[in-house]
Amino acid sequence: MSMSIGNSEAGDDHGIMSEINTTPLVDVMLVLLIIFLITIPVITKNVQVNVPKAVNIPTQTKPRTSLFR
């Protein structure tokens, strides 16, 4: 457990605990890891997609004529 219980008998009131509680972070990361492990095999299934073929035709540019001769 990462719960901090102060000693109330000593009468020392230290205020707010300044340490980060990492237990919820670890719990969320484990849940996300399990979700990704379950969903990745579903996502990687092959789906047939018809992609059009692209053709690159080179264009010939004409020399530019000057208007001011």
PDB file of N, CA and C in Angstrom:
ATOM      1  N   MET A   1       0.838  -1.188   0.000  1.00  0.00           N
ATOM      2  CA  MET A   1       0.000   0.000   0.000  1.00  0.00           C
ATOM      3  C   MET A   1       0.876   1.241   0.000  1.00  0.00           C
ATOM      4  N   SER A   2       0.361   2.278  -0.584  1.00  0.00           N
ATOM      5  CA  SER A   2       1.123   3.522  -0.592  1.00  0.00           C
ATOM      6  C   SER A   2       0.397   4.602   0.194  1.00  0.00           C
ATOM      7  N   MET A   3      -0.326   4.184   1.189  1.00  0.00           N
ATOM      8  CA  MET A   3      -1.059   5.142   2.006  1.00  0.00           C
ATOM      9  C   MET A   3      -0.185   5.552   3.186  1.00  0.00           C
ATOM     10  N   SER A   4      -0.127   6.849   3.425  1.00  0.00           N
ATOM     11  CA  SER A   4       0.708   7.354   4.508  1.00  0.00           C
ATOM     12  C   SER A   4      -0.188   7.784   5.662  1.00  0.00           C
ATOM     13  N   ILE A   5       0.029   7.152   6.810  1.00  0.00           N
ATOM     14  CA  ILE A   5      -0.758   7.483   7.998  1.00  0.00           C
ATOM     15  C   ILE A   5       0.182   8.152   8.991  1.00  0.00           C
ATOM     16  N   GLY A   6      -0.156   9.361   9.350  1.00  0.00           N
ATOM     17  CA  GLY A   6       0.689  10.107  10.276  1.00  0.00           C
ATOM     18  C   GLY A   6       0.445   9.687  11.714  1.00  0.00           C
ATOM     19  N   ASN A   7       1.373  10.028  12.575  1.00  0.00           N
ATOM     20  CA  ASN A   7       1.268   9.728  13.987  1.00  0.00           C
ATOM     21  C   ASN A   7       0.573  10.913  14.663  1.00  0.00           C
ATOM     22  N   SER A   8      -0.706  10.743  14.977  1.00  0.00           N
ATOM     23  CA  SER A   8      -1.461  11.854  15.564  1.00  0.00           C
ATOM     24  C   SER A   8      -1.195  11.999  17.059  1.00  0.00           C
ATOM     25  N   GLU A   9      -0.586  11.003  17.686  1.00  0.00           N
ATOM     26  CA  GLU A   9      -0.323  11.071  19.120  1.00  0.00           C
ATOM     27  C   GLU A   9       0.820  12.044  19.426  1.00  0.00           C
ATOM     28  N   ALA A  10       1.755  12.195  18.508  1.00  0.00           N
ATOM     29  CA  ALA A  10       2.909  13.059  18.768  1.00  0.00           C
ATOM     30  C   ALA A  10       2.537  14.528  18.665  1.00  0.00           C
ATOM     31  N   GLY A  11       1.439  14.829  17.987  1.00  0.00           N
ATOM     32  CA  GLY A  11       1.006  16.208  17.871  1.00  0.00           C
ATOM     33  C   GLY A  11       1.714  16.976  16.776  1.00  0.00           C
ATOM     34  N   ASP A  12       2.511  16.297  15.965  1.00  0.00           N
ATOM     35  CA  ASP A  12       3.207  16.955  14.852  1.00  0.00           C
ATOM     36  C   ASP A  12       2.299  16.968  13.632  1.00  0.00           C
ATOM     37  N   ASP A  13       1.903  18.161  13.215  1.00  0.00           N
ATOM     38  CA  ASP A  13       1.063  18.301  12.026  1.00  0.00           C
ATOM     39  C   ASP A  13       1.952  18.789  10.895  1.00  0.00           C
ATOM     40  N   HIS A  14       2.305  17.882   9.999  1.00  0.00           N
ATOM     41  CA  HIS A  14       3.220  18.219   8.910  1.00  0.00           C
ATOM     42  C   HIS A  14       2.502  18.796   7.697  1.00  0.00           C
ATOM     43  N   GLY A  15       1.216  18.801   7.657  1.00  0.00           N
ATOM     44  CA  GLY A  15       0.484  19.364   6.522  1.00  0.00           C
ATOM     45  C   GLY A  15       0.321  18.355   5.405  1.00  0.00           C
ATOM     46  N   ILE A  16       0.333  18.852   4.173  1.00  0.00           N
ATOM     47  CA  ILE A  16       0.083  18.022   2.998  1.00  0.00           C
ATOM     48  C   ILE A  16       1.311  17.193   2.674  1.00  0.00           C
ATOM     49  N   MET A  17       1.072  15.919   2.318  1.00  0.00           N
ATOM     50  CA  MET A  17       2.157  15.034   1.933  1.00  0.00           C
ATOM     51  C   MET A  17       2.636  15.438   0.540  1.00  0.00           C
ATOM     52  N   SER A  18       3.917  15.665   0.346  1.00  0.00           N
ATOM     53  CA  SER A  18       4.447  16.150  -0.921  1.00  0.00           C
ATOM     54  C   SER A  18       4.975  15.035  -1.812  1.00  0.00           C
ATOM     55  N   GLU A  19       4.744  13.786  -1.467  1.00  0.00           N
ATOM     56  CA  GLU A  19       5.199  12.669  -2.284  1.00  0.00           C
ATOM     57  C   GLU A  19       4.116  12.276  -3.273  1.00  0.00           C
ATOM     58  N   ILE A  20       4.533  11.797  -4.442  1.00  0.00           N
ATOM     59  CA  ILE A  20       3.588  11.370  -5.469  1.00  0.00           C
ATOM     60  C   ILE A  20       3.158   9.938  -5.179  1.00  0.00           C
ATOM     61  N   ASN A  21       1.857   9.716  -5.211  1.00  0.00           N
ATOM     62  CA  ASN A  21       1.318   8.380  -5.026  1.00  0.00           C
ATOM     63  C   ASN A  21       1.308   7.692  -6.384  1.00  0.00           C
ATOM     64  N   THR A  22       2.207   6.724  -6.592  1.00  0.00           N
ATOM     65  CA  THR A  22       2.363   6.088  -7.898  1.00  0.00           C
ATOM     66  C   THR A  22       1.479   4.859  -8.083  1.00  0.00           C
ATOM     67  N   THR A  23       0.777   4.413  -7.067  1.00  0.00           N
ATOM     68  CA  THR A  23      -0.061   3.219  -7.196  1.00  0.00           C
ATOM     69  C   THR A  23      -1.158   3.395  -8.236  1.00  0.00           C
ATOM     70  N   PRO A  24      -1.911   4.498  -8.282  1.00  0.00           N
ATOM     71  CA  PRO A  24      -2.918   4.629  -9.343  1.00  0.00           C
ATOM     72  C   PRO A  24      -2.299   4.678 -10.738  1.00  0.00           C
ATOM     73  N   LEU A  25      -1.122   5.271 -10.859  1.00  0.00           N
ATOM     74  CA  LEU A  25      -0.449   5.328 -12.150  1.00  0.00           C
ATOM     75  C   LEU A  25      -0.096   3.924 -12.633  1.00  0.00           C
ATOM     76  N   VAL A  26       0.420   3.101 -11.749  1.00  0.00           N
ATOM     77  CA  VAL A  26       0.778   1.727 -12.102  1.00  0.00           C
ATOM     78  C   VAL A  26      -0.476   0.951 -12.467  1.00  0.00           C
ATOM     79  N   ASP A  27      -1.569   1.141 -11.740  1.00  0.00           N
ATOM     80  CA  ASP A  27      -2.818   0.443 -12.046  1.00  0.00           C
ATOM     81  C   ASP A  27      -3.341   0.825 -13.422  1.00  0.00           C
ATOM     82  N   VAL A  28      -3.316   2.098 -13.744  1.00  0.00           N
ATOM     83  CA  VAL A  28      -3.803   2.551 -15.055  1.00  0.00           C
ATOM     84  C   VAL A  28      -2.909   2.012 -16.165  1.00  0.00           C
ATOM     85  N   MET A  29      -1.598   2.015 -15.964  1.00  0.00           N
ATOM     86  CA  MET A  29      -0.685   1.503 -16.987  1.00  0.00           C
ATOM     87  C   MET A  29      -0.885   0.008 -17.222  1.00  0.00           C
ATOM     88  N   LEU A  30      -1.134  -0.744 -16.173  1.00  0.00           N
ATOM     89  CA  LEU A  30      -1.383  -2.174 -16.350  1.00  0.00           C
ATOM     90  C   LEU A  30      -2.680  -2.429 -17.107  1.00  0.00           C
ATOM     91  N   VAL A  31      -3.715  -1.660 -16.819  1.00  0.00           N
ATOM     92  CA  VAL A  31      -4.981  -1.806 -17.542  1.00  0.00           C
ATOM     93  C   VAL A  31      -4.788  -1.448 -19.011  1.00  0.00           C
ATOM     94  N   LEU A  32      -4.059  -0.360 -19.313  1.00  0.00           N
ATOM     95  CA  LEU A  32      -3.800   0.011 -20.703  1.00  0.00           C
ATOM     96  C   LEU A  32      -2.979  -1.052 -21.422  1.00  0.00           C
ATOM     97  N   LEU A  33      -2.007  -1.632 -20.742  1.00  0.00           N
ATOM     98  CA  LEU A  33      -1.205  -2.690 -21.341  1.00  0.00           C
ATOM     99  C   LEU A  33      -2.071  -3.894 -21.699  1.00  0.00           C
ATOM    100  N   ILE A  34      -2.961  -4.283 -20.811  1.00  0.00           N
ATOM    101  CA  ILE A  34      -3.855  -5.417 -21.082  1.00  0.00           C
ATOM    102  C   ILE A  34      -4.780  -5.102 -22.241  1.00  0.00           C
ATOM    103  N   ILE A  35      -5.310  -3.884 -22.292  1.00  0.00           N
ATOM    104  CA  ILE A  35      -6.201  -3.499 -23.398  1.00  0.00           C
ATOM    105  C   ILE A  35      -5.445  -3.555 -24.721  1.00  0.00           C
ATOM    106  N   PHE A  36      -4.209  -3.037 -24.762  1.00  0.00           N
ATOM    107  CA  PHE A  36      -3.435  -3.072 -25.999  1.00  0.00           C
ATOM    108  C   PHE A  36      -3.086  -4.494 -26.402  1.00  0.00           C
ATOM    109  N   LEU A  37      -2.757  -5.342 -25.435  1.00  0.00           N
ATOM    110  CA  LEU A  37      -2.431  -6.728 -25.765  1.00  0.00           C
ATOM    111  C   LEU A  37      -3.633  -7.464 -26.338  1.00  0.00           C
ATOM    112  N   ILE A  38      -4.828  -7.097 -25.926  1.00  0.00           N
ATOM    113  CA  ILE A  38      -6.026  -7.748 -26.445  1.00  0.00           C
ATOM    114  C   ILE A  38      -6.399  -7.194 -27.818  1.00  0.00           C
ATOM    115  N   THR A  39      -6.239  -5.897 -28.038  1.00  0.00           N
ATOM    116  CA  THR A  39      -6.708  -5.288 -29.279  1.00  0.00           C
ATOM    117  C   THR A  39      -5.713  -5.366 -30.437  1.00  0.00           C
ATOM    118  N   ILE A  40      -4.429  -5.548 -30.180  1.00  0.00           N
ATOM    119  CA  ILE A  40      -3.449  -5.568 -31.267  1.00  0.00           C
ATOM    120  C   ILE A  40      -3.679  -6.732 -32.233  1.00  0.00           C
ATOM    121  N   PRO A  41      -3.970  -7.948 -31.790  1.00  0.00           N
ATOM    122  CA  PRO A  41      -4.234  -9.009 -32.779  1.00  0.00           C
ATOM    123  C   PRO A  41      -5.460  -8.720 -33.655  1.00  0.00           C
ATOM    124  N   VAL A  42      -6.427  -8.025 -33.134  1.00  0.00           N
ATOM    125  CA  VAL A  42      -7.616  -7.695 -33.918  1.00  0.00           C
ATOM    126  C   VAL A  42      -7.276  -6.655 -34.973  1.00  0.00           C
ATOM    127  N   ILE A  43      -6.446  -5.682 -34.618  1.00  0.00           N
ATOM    128  CA  ILE A  43      -6.105  -4.593 -35.528  1.00  0.00           C
ATOM    129  C   ILE A  43      -5.203  -5.081 -36.663  1.00  0.00           C
ATOM    130  N   THR A  44      -4.299  -6.013 -36.388  1.00  0.00           N
ATOM    131  CA  THR A  44      -3.323  -6.438 -37.385  1.00  0.00           C
ATOM    132  C   THR A  44      -3.884  -7.432 -38.390  1.00  0.00           C
ATOM    133  N   LYS A  45      -5.165  -7.685 -38.372  1.00  0.00           N
ATOM    134  CA  LYS A  45      -5.779  -8.578 -39.345  1.00  0.00           C
ATOM    135  C   LYS A  45      -5.677  -7.950 -40.731  1.00  0.00           C
ATOM    136  N   ASN A  46      -5.391  -8.771 -41.749  1.00  0.00           N
ATOM    137  CA  ASN A  46      -5.228  -8.253 -43.105  1.00  0.00           C
ATOM    138  C   ASN A  46      -6.576  -7.890 -43.707  1.00  0.00           C
ATOM    139  N   VAL A  47      -6.649  -6.689 -44.255  1.00  0.00           N
ATOM    140  CA  VAL A  47      -7.847  -6.211 -44.924  1.00  0.00           C
ATOM    141  C   VAL A  47      -7.455  -5.860 -46.349  1.00  0.00           C
ATOM    142  N   GLN A  48      -8.208  -6.391 -47.324  1.00  0.00           N
ATOM    143  CA  GLN A  48      -7.923  -6.101 -48.725  1.00  0.00           C
ATOM    144  C   GLN A  48      -8.395  -4.688 -49.061  1.00  0.00           C
ATOM    145  N   VAL A  49      -7.495  -3.888 -49.604  1.00  0.00           N
ATOM    146  CA  VAL A  49      -7.813  -2.522 -49.990  1.00  0.00           C
ATOM    147  C   VAL A  49      -7.397  -2.351 -51.444  1.00  0.00           C
ATOM    148  N   ASN A  50      -8.303  -1.840 -52.252  1.00  0.00           N
ATOM    149  CA  ASN A  50      -8.003  -1.572 -53.658  1.00  0.00           C
ATOM    150  C   ASN A  50      -7.454  -0.157 -53.777  1.00  0.00           C
ATOM    151  N   VAL A  51      -6.150  -0.075 -54.015  1.00  0.00           N
ATOM    152  CA  VAL A  51      -5.480   1.212 -54.126  1.00  0.00           C
ATOM    153  C   VAL A  51      -5.253   1.482 -55.607  1.00  0.00           C
ATOM    154  N   PRO A  52      -5.628   2.664 -56.091  1.00  0.00           N
ATOM    155  CA  PRO A  52      -5.402   2.955 -57.515  1.00  0.00           C
ATOM    156  C   PRO A  52      -3.914   3.094 -57.824  1.00  0.00           C
ATOM    157  N   LYS A  53      -3.560   2.708 -59.049  1.00  0.00           N
ATOM    158  CA  LYS A  53      -2.162   2.800 -59.473  1.00  0.00           C
ATOM    159  C   LYS A  53      -1.873   4.238 -59.902  1.00  0.00           C
ATOM    160  N   ALA A  54      -0.805   4.786 -59.407  1.00  0.00           N
ATOM    161  CA  ALA A  54      -0.402   6.144 -59.769  1.00  0.00           C
ATOM    162  C   ALA A  54       0.706   6.073 -60.812  1.00  0.00           C
ATOM    163  N   VAL A  55       0.592   6.910 -61.818  1.00  0.00           N
ATOM    164  CA  VAL A  55       1.589   6.950 -62.883  1.00  0.00           C
ATOM    165  C   VAL A  55       2.171   8.350 -62.921  1.00  0.00           C
ATOM    166  N   ASN A  56       3.476   8.404 -62.918  1.00  0.00           N
ATOM    167  CA  ASN A  56       4.152   9.685 -62.969  1.00  0.00           C
ATOM    168  C   ASN A  56       4.640   9.909 -64.395  1.00  0.00           C
ATOM    169  N   ILE A  57       3.978  10.798 -65.115  1.00  0.00           N
ATOM    170  CA  ILE A  57       4.347  11.087 -66.492  1.00  0.00           C
ATOM    171  C   ILE A  57       5.183  12.368 -66.491  1.00  0.00           C
ATOM    172  N   PRO A  58       6.419  12.293 -66.981  1.00  0.00           N
ATOM    173  CA  PRO A  58       7.240  13.509 -66.997  1.00  0.00           C
ATOM    174  C   PRO A  58       6.709  14.491 -68.040  1.00  0.00           C
ATOM    175  N   THR A  59       6.671  15.729 -67.692  1.00  0.00           N
ATOM    176  CA  THR A  59       6.207  16.758 -68.612  1.00  0.00           C
ATOM    177  C   THR A  59       7.404  17.498 -69.183  1.00  0.00           C
ATOM    178  N   GLN A  60       7.271  17.923 -70.441  1.00  0.00           N
ATOM    179  CA  GLN A  60       8.339  18.675 -71.078  1.00  0.00           C
ATOM    180  C   GLN A  60       7.968  20.153 -71.024  1.00  0.00           C
ATOM    181  N   THR A  61       8.855  20.930 -70.476  1.00  0.00           N
ATOM    182  CA  THR A  61       8.600  22.360 -70.388  1.00  0.00           C
ATOM    183  C   THR A  61       9.244  23.057 -71.577  1.00  0.00           C
ATOM    184  N   LYS A  62       8.541  24.016 -72.094  1.00  0.00           N
ATOM    185  CA  LYS A  62       9.040  24.776 -73.227  1.00  0.00           C
ATOM    186  C   LYS A  62       9.923  25.902 -72.700  1.00  0.00           C
ATOM    187  N   PRO A  63      10.936  26.285 -73.479  1.00  0.00           N
ATOM    188  CA  PRO A  63      11.783  27.388 -73.014  1.00  0.00           C
ATOM    189  C   PRO A  63      10.966  28.682 -72.963  1.00  0.00           C
ATOM    190  N   ARG A  64      11.218  29.442 -71.986  1.00  0.00           N
ATOM    191  CA  ARG A  64      10.485  30.676 -71.777  1.00  0.00           C
ATOM    192  C   ARG A  64      11.058  31.785 -72.661  1.00  0.00           C
ATOM    193  N   THR A  65      10.176  32.458 -73.376  1.00  0.00           N
ATOM    194  CA  THR A  65      10.635  33.543 -74.241  1.00  0.00           C
ATOM    195  C   THR A  65      10.557  34.855 -73.485  1.00  0.00           C
ATOM    196  N   SER A  66      11.527  35.682 -73.713  1.00  0.00           N
ATOM    197  CA  SER A  66      11.572  36.962 -73.033  1.00  0.00           C
ATOM    198  C   SER A  66      10.709  37.973 -73.773  1.00  0.00           C
ATOM    199  N   LEU A  67       9.961  38.774 -73.055  1.00  0.00           N
ATOM    200  CA  LEU A  67       9.110  39.789 -73.661  1.00  0.00           C
ATOM    201  C   LEU A  67       9.923  41.029 -74.026  1.00  0.00           C
ATOM    202  N   PHE A  68      11.007  41.285 -73.374  1.00  0.00           N
ATOM    203  CA  PHE A  68      11.818  42.486 -73.594  1.00  0.00           C
ATOM    204  C   PHE A  68      13.116  42.086 -74.294  1.00  0.00           C
ATOM    205  N   ARG A  69      13.188  42.346 -75.589  1.00  0.00           N
ATOM    206  CA  ARG A  69      14.412  41.997 -76.318  1.00  0.00           C
ATOM    207  C   ARG A  69      15.148  43.202 -76.744  1.00  0.00           C
TER     208      ARG A  69
END
